[in-house]
Structures are given as structure tokens and as C-alpha cells.
Amino acid sequence: MEIGIASVAAITVVCYLVGLIVKASCVNDRYIPIACGLCGAVLGPVGLYLGLDGFPAADYMTAVAVGIVSGLAATGVNQVGKQLSKE
């Protein structure tokens, strides 16, 4: 069984880029995870209906959940990088 890691990683990368755009704008940083989660919530069903190979969802609600988790993972990746760079 495939887990569709490439399609989930693609959603995470796009959401990370959205987070960077929000960070560069005049919006408060506390809204970055919300923007990433919403972006993932939109991209999850898009991935489902585009028929991405190995996408780990078979219905709309699961696709939304996969997208949200992928979007929030983008925020987590950013925070891991920040924590590892601290001395």
C-alpha cells in the first residue's frame, strides 16, 4: 500500500511557501499556522480530485484532514529549523 508521501510533501512545501509570504506581509506572525492550515485544507481536496498517485485519502473529509495536517507540518518544519539553530 502506498502512502502518497510525494503528494503530501508537495502540499507541505506549498503551505510552507504560503507561510513565508504571510511572514513577509504586515500580518501578525500568530496567523501563519492558520494560513498554512487553511491552505492545506484547500489543497487536500484538490489533490484528491486531481487523482494524484498514491494520495492517502479516498473521501473529501479525509482529504481535508490530510491537507490541514500537511499545512501545519509546514509550520512545524519551520520551528524545528529555528530550534536547531539556537545555541
Protein backbone atom coordinates (compact mmCIF):
# COMPACT_ATOMS: atom_id res chain seq x y z
CA MET A 1 0.00 0.00 0.00
CA GLU A 2 1.38 3.39 -0.98
CA ILE A 3 1.12 6.27 1.47
CA GLY A 4 1.37 9.06 -1.07
CA ILE A 5 4.32 10.76 0.56
CA ALA A 6 5.19 12.76 -2.57
CA SER A 7 1.76 14.38 -2.83
CA VAL A 8 1.66 15.13 0.90
CA ALA A 9 5.17 16.58 0.73
CA ALA A 10 4.10 18.78 -2.18
CA ILE A 11 1.20 20.16 -0.13
CA THR A 12 3.58 20.80 2.77
CA VAL A 13 6.02 22.70 0.54
CA VAL A 14 3.28 24.88 -0.96
CA CYS A 15 1.93 25.63 2.52
CA TYR A 16 5.44 26.48 3.72
CA LEU A 17 5.75 28.99 0.89
CA VAL A 18 2.37 30.48 1.85
CA GLY A 19 3.70 30.79 5.41
CA LEU A 20 6.75 32.66 4.13
CA ILE A 21 4.50 35.02 2.18
CA VAL A 22 2.39 35.69 5.27
CA LYS A 23 5.57 36.28 7.31
CA ALA A 24 6.81 38.81 4.73
CA SER A 25 3.50 40.67 4.79
CA CYS A 26 2.29 43.00 7.52
CA VAL A 27 0.10 40.27 9.08
CA ASN A 28 0.85 39.23 12.66
CA ASP A 29 3.04 36.09 12.89
CA ARG A 30 0.48 34.27 15.03
CA TYR A 31 -1.69 33.88 11.91
CA ILE A 32 0.96 31.91 10.00
CA PRO A 33 -0.22 28.47 11.26
CA ILE A 34 -3.81 29.41 10.44
CA ALA A 35 -2.83 30.43 6.90
CA CYS A 36 -0.86 27.20 6.44
CA GLY A 37 -3.73 25.09 7.78
CA LEU A 38 -6.27 26.80 5.53
CA CYS A 39 -4.01 26.43 2.53
CA GLY A 40 -3.67 22.72 3.27
CA ALA A 41 -7.43 22.42 3.74
CA VAL A 42 -7.86 23.75 0.21
CA LEU A 43 -5.04 21.75 -1.37
CA GLY A 44 -6.04 18.41 0.18
CA PRO A 45 -9.33 18.07 -1.74
CA VAL A 46 -7.61 19.47 -4.85
CA GLY A 47 -5.09 16.62 -4.62
CA LEU A 48 -7.91 14.12 -4.16
CA TYR A 49 -9.90 15.28 -7.17
CA LEU A 50 -6.85 15.66 -9.41
CA GLY A 51 -6.21 11.98 -8.78
CA LEU A 52 -2.63 12.31 -7.56
CA ASP A 53 -0.90 8.92 -7.50
CA GLY A 54 -1.00 7.38 -4.04
CA PHE A 55 -2.86 10.25 -2.41
CA PRO A 56 -3.70 8.94 1.09
CA ALA A 57 -7.40 9.87 1.07
CA ALA A 58 -10.46 8.33 -0.52
CA ASP A 59 -13.09 10.87 0.52
CA TYR A 60 -13.48 14.62 0.94
CA MET A 61 -13.20 14.81 4.75
CA THR A 62 -10.05 12.70 4.85
CA ALA A 63 -8.54 14.82 2.08
CA VAL A 64 -9.27 17.98 4.09
CA ALA A 65 -7.69 16.41 7.19
CA VAL A 66 -4.60 15.30 5.24
CA GLY A 67 -4.29 18.81 3.83
CA ILE A 68 -4.63 20.51 7.22
CA VAL A 69 -2.04 18.22 8.80
CA SER A 70 0.30 18.81 5.86
CA GLY A 71 -0.16 22.56 6.20
CA LEU A 72 0.51 22.53 9.91
CA ALA A 73 3.54 20.32 9.32
CA ALA A 74 4.99 23.19 7.29
CA THR A 75 4.82 25.36 10.41
CA GLY A 76 6.44 22.59 12.43
CA VAL A 77 9.29 22.22 9.97
CA ASN A 78 9.99 25.93 10.28
CA GLN A 79 10.02 25.74 14.08
CA VAL A 80 12.34 22.71 14.12
CA GLY A 81 14.79 24.65 11.99
CA LYS A 82 14.64 27.61 14.36
CA GLN A 83 15.12 25.45 17.46
CA LEU A 84 18.08 23.58 15.98
CA SER A 85 19.81 26.83 15.09
CA LYS A 86 19.61 28.13 18.68
CA GLU A 87 22.67 27.74 20.84
